[in-house]
């Protein structure tokens, strides 16, 4: 969270449970809209 707060932007991809989840921030503030409170899924994967 500190790295996020001190960055112009932070982009996150999380590979978990067969899906790729995405989040994005600008100066610590989220810019990615949640879907029913969860991160949007942008793809499928077998990796973690």
ModelCIF file with pLDDT and N, C-alpha, C, O atoms, coordinates in Angstrom:
data_MODEL
#
_entry.id   MODEL 
#
_entity.id                         1 
_entity.type                       polymer 
_entity.pdbx_number_of_molecules   1 
#
_entity_poly.entity_id                      1 
_entity_poly.type                           'polypeptide(L)' 
_entity_poly.nstd_linkage                   no 
_entity_poly.nstd_monomer                   no 
_entity_poly.pdbx_seq_one_letter_code       
;(UNK)(UNK)(UNK)(UNK)(UNK)(UNK)(UNK)(UNK)(UNK)(UNK)(UNK)(UNK)(UNK)(UNK)(UNK)(UNK)
(UNK)(UNK)(UNK)(UNK)(UNK)(UNK)(UNK)(UNK)(UNK)(UNK)(UNK)(UNK)(UNK)(UNK)(UNK)(UNK)
(UNK)(UNK)(UNK)(UNK)(UNK)(UNK)(UNK)(UNK)(UNK)(UNK)(UNK)(UNK)(UNK)(UNK)(UNK)(UNK)
;
_entity_poly.pdbx_seq_one_letter_code_can   XXXXXXXXXXXXXXXXXXXXXXXXXXXXXXXXXXXXXXXXXXXXXXXX 
_entity_poly.pdbx_strand_id                 A 
#
loop_
_entity_poly_seq.entity_id 
_entity_poly_seq.num 
_entity_poly_seq.mon_id 
_entity_poly_seq.hetero 
1 1  UNK n 
1 2  UNK n 
1 3  UNK n 
1 4  UNK n 
1 5  UNK n 
1 6  UNK n 
1 7  UNK n 
1 8  UNK n 
1 9  UNK n 
1 10 UNK n 
1 11 UNK n 
1 12 UNK n 
1 13 UNK n 
1 14 UNK n 
1 15 UNK n 
1 16 UNK n 
1 17 UNK n 
1 18 UNK n 
1 19 UNK n 
1 20 UNK n 
1 21 UNK n 
1 22 UNK n 
1 23 UNK n 
1 24 UNK n 
1 25 UNK n 
1 26 UNK n 
1 27 UNK n 
1 28 UNK n 
1 29 UNK n 
1 30 UNK n 
1 31 UNK n 
1 32 UNK n 
1 33 UNK n 
1 34 UNK n 
1 35 UNK n 
1 36 UNK n 
1 37 UNK n 
1 38 UNK n 
1 39 UNK n 
1 40 UNK n 
1 41 UNK n 
1 42 UNK n 
1 43 UNK n 
1 44 UNK n 
1 45 UNK n 
1 46 UNK n 
1 47 UNK n 
1 48 UNK n 
#
_struct_asym.id          A 
_struct_asym.entity_id   1 
#
loop_
_ma_qa_metric.id 
_ma_qa_metric.mode 
_ma_qa_metric.name 
_ma_qa_metric.software_group_id 
_ma_qa_metric.type 
1 global pLDDT . pLDDT 
2 local  pLDDT . pLDDT 
#
_ma_qa_metric_global.metric_id      1 
_ma_qa_metric_global.metric_value   93.77 
_ma_qa_metric_global.model_id       1 
_ma_qa_metric_global.ordinal_id     1 
#
loop_
_ma_qa_metric_local.label_asym_id 
_ma_qa_metric_local.label_comp_id 
_ma_qa_metric_local.label_seq_id 
_ma_qa_metric_local.metric_id 
_ma_qa_metric_local.metric_value 
_ma_qa_metric_local.model_id 
_ma_qa_metric_local.ordinal_id 
A UNK 1  2 89.00 1 1  
A UNK 2  2 91.00 1 2  
A UNK 3  2 93.00 1 3  
A UNK 4  2 93.00 1 4  
A UNK 5  2 91.00 1 5  
A UNK 6  2 93.00 1 6  
A UNK 7  2 93.00 1 7  
A UNK 8  2 95.00 1 8  
A UNK 9  2 96.00 1 9  
A UNK 10 2 96.00 1 10 
A UNK 11 2 97.00 1 11 
A UNK 12 2 96.00 1 12 
A UNK 13 2 96.00 1 13 
A UNK 14 2 96.00 1 14 
A UNK 15 2 96.00 1 15 
A UNK 16 2 94.00 1 16 
A UNK 17 2 91.00 1 17 
A UNK 18 2 95.00 1 18 
A UNK 19 2 95.00 1 19 
A UNK 20 2 96.00 1 20 
A UNK 21 2 96.00 1 21 
A UNK 22 2 96.00 1 22 
A UNK 23 2 96.00 1 23 
A UNK 24 2 97.00 1 24 
A UNK 25 2 95.00 1 25 
A UNK 26 2 94.00 1 26 
A UNK 27 2 90.00 1 27 
A UNK 28 2 90.00 1 28 
A UNK 29 2 91.00 1 29 
A UNK 30 2 93.00 1 30 
A UNK 31 2 94.00 1 31 
A UNK 32 2 93.00 1 32 
A UNK 33 2 92.00 1 33 
A UNK 34 2 91.00 1 34 
A UNK 35 2 91.00 1 35 
A UNK 36 2 90.00 1 36 
A UNK 37 2 90.00 1 37 
A UNK 38 2 92.00 1 38 
A UNK 39 2 94.00 1 39 
A UNK 40 2 94.00 1 40 
A UNK 41 2 95.00 1 41 
A UNK 42 2 95.00 1 42 
A UNK 43 2 95.00 1 43 
A UNK 44 2 96.00 1 44 
A UNK 45 2 95.00 1 45 
A UNK 46 2 94.00 1 46 
A UNK 47 2 95.00 1 47 
A UNK 48 2 95.00 1 48 
#
loop_
_atom_site.group_PDB 
_atom_site.id 
_atom_site.type_symbol 
_atom_site.label_atom_id 
_atom_site.label_alt_id 
_atom_site.label_comp_id 
_atom_site.label_asym_id 
_atom_site.label_entity_id 
_atom_site.label_seq_id 
_atom_site.pdbx_PDB_ins_code 
_atom_site.Cartn_x 
_atom_site.Cartn_y 
_atom_site.Cartn_z 
_atom_site.occupancy 
_atom_site.B_iso_or_equiv 
_atom_site.pdbx_formal_charge 
_atom_site.auth_seq_id 
_atom_site.auth_comp_id 
_atom_site.auth_asym_id 
_atom_site.auth_atom_id 
_atom_site.pdbx_PDB_model_num 
ATOM 1   N N  . UNK A 1 1  ? 0.823   -1.211  0.000   1.00 89.00 ? 1  UNK A N  1 
ATOM 2   C CA . UNK A 1 1  ? 0.000   0.000   0.000   1.00 89.00 ? 1  UNK A CA 1 
ATOM 3   C C  . UNK A 1 1  ? 0.857   1.261   0.000   1.00 89.00 ? 1  UNK A C  1 
ATOM 4   O O  . UNK A 1 1  ? 0.466   2.267   -0.592  1.00 89.00 ? 1  UNK A O  1 
ATOM 5   N N  . UNK A 1 2  ? 2.005   1.226   0.645   1.00 91.00 ? 2  UNK A N  1 
ATOM 6   C CA . UNK A 1 2  ? 2.906   2.382   0.658   1.00 91.00 ? 2  UNK A CA 1 
ATOM 7   C C  . UNK A 1 2  ? 3.489   2.609   -0.733  1.00 91.00 ? 2  UNK A C  1 
ATOM 8   O O  . UNK A 1 2  ? 3.552   3.746   -1.202  1.00 91.00 ? 2  UNK A O  1 
ATOM 9   N N  . UNK A 1 3  ? 3.911   1.539   -1.392  1.00 93.00 ? 3  UNK A N  1 
ATOM 10  C CA . UNK A 1 3  ? 4.434   1.666   -2.755  1.00 93.00 ? 3  UNK A CA 1 
ATOM 11  C C  . UNK A 1 3  ? 3.347   2.239   -3.662  1.00 93.00 ? 3  UNK A C  1 
ATOM 12  O O  . UNK A 1 3  ? 3.622   3.100   -4.499  1.00 93.00 ? 3  UNK A O  1 
ATOM 13  N N  . UNK A 1 4  ? 2.145   1.776   -3.501  1.00 93.00 ? 4  UNK A N  1 
ATOM 14  C CA . UNK A 1 4  ? 1.017   2.281   -4.278  1.00 93.00 ? 4  UNK A CA 1 
ATOM 15  C C  . UNK A 1 4  ? 0.824   3.775   -4.038  1.00 93.00 ? 4  UNK A C  1 
ATOM 16  O O  . UNK A 1 4  ? 0.665   4.549   -4.982  1.00 93.00 ? 4  UNK A O  1 
ATOM 17  N N  . UNK A 1 5  ? 0.839   4.171   -2.769  1.00 91.00 ? 5  UNK A N  1 
ATOM 18  C CA . UNK A 1 5  ? 0.607   5.576   -2.420  1.00 91.00 ? 5  UNK A CA 1 
ATOM 19  C C  . UNK A 1 5  ? 1.656   6.506   -3.012  1.00 91.00 ? 5  UNK A C  1 
ATOM 20  O O  . UNK A 1 5  ? 1.357   7.660   -3.320  1.00 91.00 ? 5  UNK A O  1 
ATOM 21  N N  . UNK A 1 6  ? 2.886   6.013   -3.175  1.00 93.00 ? 6  UNK A N  1 
ATOM 22  C CA . UNK A 1 6  ? 3.997   6.856   -3.621  1.00 93.00 ? 6  UNK A CA 1 
ATOM 23  C C  . UNK A 1 6  ? 4.290   6.701   -5.112  1.00 93.00 ? 6  UNK A C  1 
ATOM 24  O O  . UNK A 1 6  ? 5.347   7.115   -5.588  1.00 93.00 ? 6  UNK A O  1 
ATOM 25  N N  . UNK A 1 7  ? 3.352   6.106   -5.844  1.00 93.00 ? 7  UNK A N  1 
ATOM 26  C CA . UNK A 1 7  ? 3.538   5.883   -7.277  1.00 93.00 ? 7  UNK A CA 1 
ATOM 27  C C  . UNK A 1 7  ? 2.540   6.704   -8.092  1.00 93.00 ? 7  UNK A C  1 
ATOM 28  O O  . UNK A 1 7  ? 1.394   6.897   -7.688  1.00 93.00 ? 7  UNK A O  1 
ATOM 29  N N  . UNK A 1 8  ? 3.002   7.182   -9.250  1.00 95.00 ? 8  UNK A N  1 
ATOM 30  C CA . UNK A 1 8  ? 2.087   7.861   -10.168 1.00 95.00 ? 8  UNK A CA 1 
ATOM 31  C C  . UNK A 1 8  ? 1.004   6.896   -10.626 1.00 95.00 ? 8  UNK A C  1 
ATOM 32  O O  . UNK A 1 8  ? -0.168  7.257   -10.737 1.00 95.00 ? 8  UNK A O  1 
ATOM 33  N N  . UNK A 1 9  ? 1.419   5.666   -10.889 1.00 96.00 ? 9  UNK A N  1 
ATOM 34  C CA . UNK A 1 9  ? 0.435   4.626   -11.164 1.00 96.00 ? 9  UNK A CA 1 
ATOM 35  C C  . UNK A 1 9  ? 0.959   3.285   -10.694 1.00 96.00 ? 9  UNK A C  1 
ATOM 36  O O  . UNK A 1 9  ? 2.169   3.080   -10.592 1.00 96.00 ? 9  UNK A O  1 
ATOM 37  N N  . UNK A 1 10 ? 0.052   2.381   -10.410 1.00 96.00 ? 10 UNK A N  1 
ATOM 38  C CA . UNK A 1 10 ? 0.393   1.000   -10.110 1.00 96.00 ? 10 UNK A CA 1 
ATOM 39  C C  . UNK A 1 10 ? -0.598  0.105   -10.846 1.00 96.00 ? 10 UNK A C  1 
ATOM 40  O O  . UNK A 1 10 ? -1.810  0.302   -10.769 1.00 96.00 ? 10 UNK A O  1 
ATOM 41  N N  . UNK A 1 11 ? -0.060  -0.880  -11.559 1.00 97.00 ? 11 UNK A N  1 
ATOM 42  C CA . UNK A 1 11 ? -0.879  -1.816  -12.309 1.00 97.00 ? 11 UNK A CA 1 
ATOM 43  C C  . UNK A 1 11 ? -0.635  -3.223  -11.774 1.00 97.00 ? 11 UNK A C  1 
ATOM 44  O O  . UNK A 1 11 ? 0.512   -3.619  -11.565 1.00 97.00 ? 11 UNK A O  1 
ATOM 45  N N  . UNK A 1 12 ? -1.721  -3.984  -11.550 1.00 96.00 ? 12 UNK A N  1 
ATOM 46  C CA . UNK A 1 12 ? -1.608  -5.282  -10.885 1.00 96.00 ? 12 UNK A CA 1 
ATOM 47  C C  . UNK A 1 12 ? -2.332  -6.350  -11.688 1.00 96.00 ? 12 UNK A C  1 
ATOM 48  O O  . UNK A 1 12 ? -3.474  -6.165  -12.109 1.00 96.00 ? 12 UNK A O  1 
ATOM 49  N N  . UNK A 1 13 ? -1.649  -7.471  -11.894 1.00 96.00 ? 13 UNK A N  1 
ATOM 50  C CA . UNK A 1 13 ? -2.271  -8.657  -12.465 1.00 96.00 ? 13 UNK A CA 1 
ATOM 51  C C  . UNK A 1 13 ? -2.068  -9.815  -11.491 1.00 96.00 ? 13 UNK A C  1 
ATOM 52  O O  . UNK A 1 13 ? -0.948  -10.074 -11.051 1.00 96.00 ? 13 UNK A O  1 
ATOM 53  N N  . UNK A 1 14 ? -3.139  -10.499 -11.164 1.00 96.00 ? 14 UNK A N  1 
ATOM 54  C CA . UNK A 1 14 ? -3.080  -11.615 -10.205 1.00 96.00 ? 14 UNK A CA 1 
ATOM 55  C C  . UNK A 1 14 ? -3.593  -12.876 -10.901 1.00 96.00 ? 14 UNK A C  1 
ATOM 56  O O  . UNK A 1 14 ? -4.731  -12.924 -11.368 1.00 96.00 ? 14 UNK A O  1 
ATOM 57  N N  . UNK A 1 15 ? -2.740  -13.888 -10.961 1.00 96.00 ? 15 UNK A N  1 
ATOM 58  C CA . UNK A 1 15 ? -3.105  -15.168 -11.564 1.00 96.00 ? 15 UNK A CA 1 
ATOM 59  C C  . UNK A 1 15 ? -3.467  -16.134 -10.435 1.00 96.00 ? 15 UNK A C  1 
ATOM 60  O O  . UNK A 1 15 ? -2.620  -16.538 -9.639  1.00 96.00 ? 15 UNK A O  1 
ATOM 61  N N  . UNK A 1 16 ? -4.744  -16.487 -10.394 1.00 94.00 ? 16 UNK A N  1 
ATOM 62  C CA . UNK A 1 16 ? -5.205  -17.327 -9.287  1.00 94.00 ? 16 UNK A CA 1 
ATOM 63  C C  . UNK A 1 16 ? -6.515  -18.021 -9.678  1.00 94.00 ? 16 UNK A C  1 
ATOM 64  O O  . UNK A 1 16 ? -7.387  -17.420 -10.306 1.00 94.00 ? 16 UNK A O  1 
ATOM 65  N N  . UNK A 1 17 ? -6.633  -19.286 -9.298  1.00 91.00 ? 17 UNK A N  1 
ATOM 66  C CA . UNK A 1 17 ? -7.857  -20.055 -9.537  1.00 91.00 ? 17 UNK A CA 1 
ATOM 67  C C  . UNK A 1 17 ? -8.247  -20.086 -11.012 1.00 91.00 ? 17 UNK A C  1 
ATOM 68  O O  . UNK A 1 17 ? -9.428  -20.056 -11.356 1.00 91.00 ? 17 UNK A O  1 
ATOM 69  N N  . UNK A 1 18 ? -7.224  -20.149 -11.888 1.00 95.00 ? 18 UNK A N  1 
ATOM 70  C CA . UNK A 1 18 ? -7.475  -20.281 -13.319 1.00 95.00 ? 18 UNK A CA 1 
ATOM 71  C C  . UNK A 1 18 ? -7.816  -18.991 -14.022 1.00 95.00 ? 18 UNK A C  1 
ATOM 72  O O  . UNK A 1 18 ? -8.104  -19.017 -15.219 1.00 95.00 ? 18 UNK A O  1 
ATOM 73  N N  . UNK A 1 19 ? -7.800  -17.854 -13.333 1.00 95.00 ? 19 UNK A N  1 
ATOM 74  C CA . UNK A 1 19 ? -8.175  -16.585 -13.941 1.00 95.00 ? 19 UNK A CA 1 
ATOM 75  C C  . UNK A 1 19 ? -7.119  -15.512 -13.694 1.00 95.00 ? 19 UNK A C  1 
ATOM 76  O O  . UNK A 1 19 ? -6.343  -15.592 -12.742 1.00 95.00 ? 19 UNK A O  1 
ATOM 77  N N  . UNK A 1 20 ? -7.103  -14.498 -14.579 1.00 96.00 ? 20 UNK A N  1 
ATOM 78  C CA . UNK A 1 20 ? -6.210  -13.343 -14.420 1.00 96.00 ? 20 UNK A CA 1 
ATOM 79  C C  . UNK A 1 20 ? -7.065  -12.160 -13.982 1.00 96.00 ? 20 UNK A C  1 
ATOM 80  O O  . UNK A 1 20 ? -7.942  -11.715 -14.722 1.00 96.00 ? 20 UNK A O  1 
ATOM 81  N N  . UNK A 1 21 ? -6.812  -11.657 -12.788 1.00 96.00 ? 21 UNK A N  1 
ATOM 82  C CA . UNK A 1 21 ? -7.566  -10.536 -12.214 1.00 96.00 ? 21 UNK A CA 1 
ATOM 83  C C  . UNK A 1 21 ? -6.731  -9.268  -12.354 1.00 96.00 ? 21 UNK A C  1 
ATOM 84  O O  . UNK A 1 21 ? -5.504  -9.317  -12.271 1.00 96.00 ? 21 UNK A O  1 
ATOM 85  N N  . UNK A 1 22 ? -7.391  -8.138  -12.564 1.00 96.00 ? 22 UNK A N  1 
ATOM 86  C CA . UNK A 1 22 ? -6.674  -6.890  -12.842 1.00 96.00 ? 22 UNK A CA 1 
ATOM 87  C C  . UNK A 1 22 ? -7.135  -5.769  -11.915 1.00 96.00 ? 22 UNK A C  1 
ATOM 88  O O  . UNK A 1 22 ? -8.308  -5.668  -11.556 1.00 96.00 ? 22 UNK A O  1 
ATOM 89  N N  . UNK A 1 23 ? -6.159  -4.921  -11.538 1.00 96.00 ? 23 UNK A N  1 
ATOM 90  C CA . UNK A 1 23 ? -6.471  -3.709  -10.775 1.00 96.00 ? 23 UNK A CA 1 
ATOM 91  C C  . UNK A 1 23 ? -5.503  -2.615  -11.193 1.00 96.00 ? 23 UNK A C  1 
ATOM 92  O O  . UNK A 1 23 ? -4.411  -2.901  -11.685 1.00 96.00 ? 23 UNK A O  1 
ATOM 93  N N  . UNK A 1 24 ? -5.900  -1.359  -10.999 1.00 97.00 ? 24 UNK A N  1 
ATOM 94  C CA . UNK A 1 24 ? -5.069  -0.228  -11.408 1.00 97.00 ? 24 UNK A CA 1 
ATOM 95  C C  . UNK A 1 24 ? -5.317  0.943   -10.457 1.00 97.00 ? 24 UNK A C  1 
ATOM 96  O O  . UNK A 1 24 ? -6.432  1.152   -9.980  1.00 97.00 ? 24 UNK A O  1 
ATOM 97  N N  . UNK A 1 25 ? -4.232  1.715   -10.188 1.00 95.00 ? 25 UNK A N  1 
ATOM 98  C CA . UNK A 1 25 ? -4.309  2.857   -9.271  1.00 95.00 ? 25 UNK A CA 1 
ATOM 99  C C  . UNK A 1 25 ? -3.544  4.048   -9.858  1.00 95.00 ? 25 UNK A C  1 
ATOM 100 O O  . UNK A 1 25 ? -2.596  3.875   -10.624 1.00 95.00 ? 25 UNK A O  1 
ATOM 101 N N  . UNK A 1 26 ? -3.966  5.236   -9.492  1.00 94.00 ? 26 UNK A N  1 
ATOM 102 C CA . UNK A 1 26 ? -3.247  6.460   -9.827  1.00 94.00 ? 26 UNK A CA 1 
ATOM 103 C C  . UNK A 1 26 ? -3.034  7.239   -8.540  1.00 94.00 ? 26 UNK A C  1 
ATOM 104 O O  . UNK A 1 26 ? -3.993  7.672   -7.901  1.00 94.00 ? 26 UNK A O  1 
ATOM 105 N N  . UNK A 1 27 ? -1.772  7.417   -8.163  1.00 90.00 ? 27 UNK A N  1 
ATOM 106 C CA . UNK A 1 27 ? -1.400  8.103   -6.920  1.00 90.00 ? 27 UNK A CA 1 
ATOM 107 C C  . UNK A 1 27 ? -2.165  7.542   -5.720  1.00 90.00 ? 27 UNK A C  1 
ATOM 108 O O  . UNK A 1 27 ? -2.645  8.277   -4.857  1.00 90.00 ? 27 UNK A O  1 
ATOM 109 N N  . UNK A 1 28 ? -2.257  6.219   -5.702  1.00 90.00 ? 28 UNK A N  1 
ATOM 110 C CA . UNK A 1 28 ? -2.868  5.535   -4.576  1.00 90.00 ? 28 UNK A CA 1 
ATOM 111 C C  . UNK A 1 28 ? -4.373  5.380   -4.661  1.00 90.00 ? 28 UNK A C  1 
ATOM 112 O O  . UNK A 1 28 ? -4.965  4.673   -3.845  1.00 90.00 ? 28 UNK A O  1 
ATOM 113 N N  . UNK A 1 29 ? -5.006  6.026   -5.630  1.00 91.00 ? 29 UNK A N  1 
ATOM 114 C CA . UNK A 1 29 ? -6.460  5.964   -5.759  1.00 91.00 ? 29 UNK A CA 1 
ATOM 115 C C  . UNK A 1 29 ? -6.843  4.927   -6.820  1.00 91.00 ? 29 UNK A C  1 
ATOM 116 O O  . UNK A 1 29 ? -6.276  4.942   -7.912  1.00 91.00 ? 29 UNK A O  1 
ATOM 117 N N  . UNK A 1 30 ? -7.793  4.024   -6.524  1.00 93.00 ? 30 UNK A N  1 
ATOM 118 C CA . UNK A 1 30 ? -8.186  3.012   -7.504  1.00 93.00 ? 30 UNK A CA 1 
ATOM 119 C C  . UNK A 1 30 ? -8.902  3.628   -8.689  1.00 93.00 ? 30 UNK A C  1 
ATOM 120 O O  . UNK A 1 30 ? -9.744  4.511   -8.527  1.00 93.00 ? 30 UNK A O  1 
ATOM 121 N N  . UNK A 1 31 ? -8.563  3.156   -9.894  1.00 94.00 ? 31 UNK A N  1 
ATOM 122 C CA . UNK A 1 31 ? -9.226  3.623   -11.117 1.00 94.00 ? 31 UNK A CA 1 
ATOM 123 C C  . UNK A 1 31 ? -9.981  2.490   -11.804 1.00 94.00 ? 31 UNK A C  1 
ATOM 124 O O  . UNK A 1 31 ? -10.779 2.737   -12.708 1.00 94.00 ? 31 UNK A O  1 
ATOM 125 N N  . UNK A 1 32 ? -9.739  1.263   -11.389 1.00 93.00 ? 32 UNK A N  1 
ATOM 126 C CA . UNK A 1 32 ? -10.424 0.102   -11.954 1.00 93.00 ? 32 UNK A CA 1 
ATOM 127 C C  . UNK A 1 32 ? -11.748 -0.103  -11.225 1.00 93.00 ? 32 UNK A C  1 
ATOM 128 O O  . UNK A 1 32 ? -11.786 -0.157  -9.996  1.00 93.00 ? 32 UNK A O  1 
ATOM 129 N N  . UNK A 1 33 ? -12.822 -0.214  -11.981 1.00 92.00 ? 33 UNK A N  1 
ATOM 130 C CA . UNK A 1 33 ? -14.128 -0.425  -11.369 1.00 92.00 ? 33 UNK A CA 1 
ATOM 131 C C  . UNK A 1 33 ? -14.276 -1.886  -10.950 1.00 92.00 ? 33 UNK A C  1 
ATOM 132 O O  . UNK A 1 33 ? -13.956 -2.795  -11.716 1.00 92.00 ? 33 UNK A O  1 
ATOM 133 N N  . UNK A 1 34 ? -14.753 -2.098  -9.754  1.00 91.00 ? 34 UNK A N  1 
ATOM 134 C CA . UNK A 1 34 ? -14.989 -3.453  -9.266  1.00 91.00 ? 34 UNK A CA 1 
ATOM 135 C C  . UNK A 1 34 ? -16.295 -3.997  -9.842  1.00 91.00 ? 34 UNK A C  1 
ATOM 136 O O  . UNK A 1 34 ? -17.207 -3.250  -10.195 1.00 91.00 ? 34 UNK A O  1 
ATOM 137 N N  . UNK A 1 35 ? -16.348 -5.301  -9.921  1.00 91.00 ? 35 UNK A N  1 
ATOM 138 C CA . UNK A 1 35 ? -17.547 -5.990  -10.397 1.00 91.00 ? 35 UNK A CA 1 
ATOM 139 C C  . UNK A 1 35 ? -18.144 -6.736  -9.208  1.00 91.00 ? 35 UNK A C  1 
ATOM 140 O O  . UNK A 1 35 ? -17.624 -7.764  -8.776  1.00 91.00 ? 35 UNK A O  1 
ATOM 141 N N  . UNK A 1 36 ? -19.247 -6.196  -8.689  1.00 90.00 ? 36 UNK A N  1 
ATOM 142 C CA . UNK A 1 36 ? -19.851 -6.775  -7.486  1.00 90.00 ? 36 UNK A CA 1 
ATOM 143 C C  . UNK A 1 36 ? -18.830 -6.895  -6.341  1.00 90.00 ? 36 UNK A C  1 
ATOM 144 O O  . UNK A 1 36 ? -18.812 -7.882  -5.606  1.00 90.00 ? 36 UNK A O  1 
ATOM 145 N N  . UNK A 1 37 ? -17.983 -5.864  -6.214  1.00 90.00 ? 37 UNK A N  1 
ATOM 146 C CA . UNK A 1 37 ? -16.988 -5.825  -5.147  1.00 90.00 ? 37 UNK A CA 1 
ATOM 147 C C  . UNK A 1 37 ? -15.709 -6.589  -5.443  1.00 90.00 ? 37 UNK A C  1 
ATOM 148 O O  . UNK A 1 37 ? -14.798 -6.599  -4.616  1.00 90.00 ? 37 UNK A O  1 
ATOM 149 N N  . UNK A 1 38 ? -15.617 -7.234  -6.610  1.00 92.00 ? 38 UNK A N  1 
ATOM 150 C CA . UNK A 1 38 ? -14.446 -8.045  -6.955  1.00 92.00 ? 38 UNK A CA 1 
ATOM 151 C C  . UNK A 1 38 ? -13.697 -7.436  -8.132  1.00 92.00 ? 38 UNK A C  1 
ATOM 152 O O  . UNK A 1 38 ? -14.262 -6.664  -8.907  1.00 92.00 ? 38 UNK A O  1 
ATOM 153 N N  . UNK A 1 39 ? -12.408 -7.792  -8.261  1.00 94.00 ? 39 UNK A N  1 
ATOM 154 C CA . UNK A 1 39 ? -11.609 -7.303  -9.377  1.00 94.00 ? 39 UNK A CA 1 
ATOM 155 C C  . UNK A 1 39 ? -12.101 -7.922  -10.678 1.00 94.00 ? 39 UNK A C  1 
ATOM 156 O O  . UNK A 1 39 ? -12.515 -9.081  -10.698 1.00 94.00 ? 39 UNK A O  1 
ATOM 157 N N  . UNK A 1 40 ? -12.059 -7.152  -11.767 1.00 94.00 ? 40 UNK A N  1 
ATOM 158 C CA . UNK A 1 40 ? -12.475 -7.709  -13.051 1.00 94.00 ? 40 UNK A CA 1 
ATOM 159 C C  . UNK A 1 40 ? -11.504 -8.795  -13.529 1.00 94.00 ? 40 UNK A C  1 
ATOM 160 O O  . UNK A 1 40 ? -10.307 -8.736  -13.248 1.00 94.00 ? 40 UNK A O  1 
ATOM 161 N N  . UNK A 1 41 ? -12.031 -9.779  -14.249 1.00 95.00 ? 41 UNK A N  1 
ATOM 162 C CA . UNK A 1 41 ? -11.229 -10.864 -14.817 1.00 95.00 ? 41 UNK A CA 1 
ATOM 163 C C  . UNK A 1 41 ? -10.917 -10.510 -16.270 1.00 95.00 ? 41 UNK A C  1 
ATOM 164 O O  . UNK A 1 41 ? -11.823 -10.206 -17.046 1.00 95.00 ? 41 UNK A O  1 
ATOM 165 N N  . UNK A 1 42 ? -9.633  -10.549 -16.637 1.00 95.00 ? 42 UNK A N  1 
ATOM 166 C CA . UNK A 1 42 ? -9.238  -10.151 -17.995 1.00 95.00 ? 42 UNK A CA 1 
ATOM 167 C C  . UNK A 1 42 ? -8.714  -11.322 -18.815 1.00 95.00 ? 42 UNK A C  1 
ATOM 168 O O  . UNK A 1 42 ? -8.289  -11.127 -19.954 1.00 95.00 ? 42 UNK A O  1 
ATOM 169 N N  . UNK A 1 43 ? -8.732  -12.536 -18.263 1.00 95.00 ? 43 UNK A N  1 
ATOM 170 C CA . UNK A 1 43 ? -8.263  -13.674 -19.033 1.00 95.00 ? 43 UNK A CA 1 
ATOM 171 C C  . UNK A 1 43 ? -8.233  -14.940 -18.209 1.00 95.00 ? 43 UNK A C  1 
ATOM 172 O O  . UNK A 1 43 ? -8.491  -14.934 -17.006 1.00 95.00 ? 43 UNK A O  1 
ATOM 173 N N  . UNK A 1 44 ? -7.907  -16.046 -18.900 1.00 96.00 ? 44 UNK A N  1 
ATOM 174 C CA . UNK A 1 44 ? -7.782  -17.342 -18.263 1.00 96.00 ? 44 UNK A CA 1 
ATOM 175 C C  . UNK A 1 44 ? -6.307  -17.766 -18.241 1.00 96.00 ? 44 UNK A C  1 
ATOM 176 O O  . UNK A 1 44 ? -5.529  -17.338 -19.093 1.00 96.00 ? 44 UNK A O  1 
ATOM 177 N N  . UNK A 1 45 ? -5.924  -18.601 -17.275 1.00 95.00 ? 45 UNK A N  1 
ATOM 178 C CA . UNK A 1 45 ? -4.536  -19.078 -17.182 1.00 95.00 ? 45 UNK A CA 1 
ATOM 179 C C  . UNK A 1 45 ? -4.475  -20.318 -16.306 1.00 95.00 ? 45 UNK A C  1 
ATOM 180 O O  . UNK A 1 45 ? -5.321  -20.532 -15.437 1.00 95.00 ? 45 UNK A O  1 
ATOM 181 N N  . UNK A 1 46 ? -3.461  -21.125 -16.553 1.00 94.00 ? 46 UNK A N  1 
ATOM 182 C CA . UNK A 1 46 ? -3.204  -22.279 -15.699 1.00 94.00 ? 46 UNK A CA 1 
ATOM 183 C C  . UNK A 1 46 ? -2.134  -21.964 -14.653 1.00 94.00 ? 46 UNK A C  1 
ATOM 184 O O  . UNK A 1 46 ? -1.859  -22.775 -13.768 1.00 94.00 ? 46 UNK A O  1 
ATOM 185 N N  . UNK A 1 47 ? -1.528  -20.764 -14.769 1.00 95.00 ? 47 UNK A N  1 
ATOM 186 C CA . UNK A 1 47 ? -0.431  -20.380 -13.877 1.00 95.00 ? 47 UNK A CA 1 
ATOM 187 C C  . UNK A 1 47 ? -0.961  -19.615 -12.669 1.00 95.00 ? 47 UNK A C  1 
ATOM 188 O O  . UNK A 1 47 ? -2.107  -19.165 -12.649 1.00 95.00 ? 47 UNK A O  1 
ATOM 189 N N  . UNK A 1 48 ? -0.107  -19.481 -11.673 1.00 95.00 ? 48 UNK A N  1 
ATOM 190 C CA . UNK A 1 48 ? -0.436  -18.656 -10.510 1.00 95.00 ? 48 UNK A CA 1 
ATOM 191 C C  . UNK A 1 48 ? 0.687   -17.643 -10.278 1.00 95.00 ? 48 UNK A C  1 
ATOM 192 O O  . UNK A 1 48 ? 0.614   -16.844 -9.344  1.00 95.00 ? 48 UNK A O  1 
#
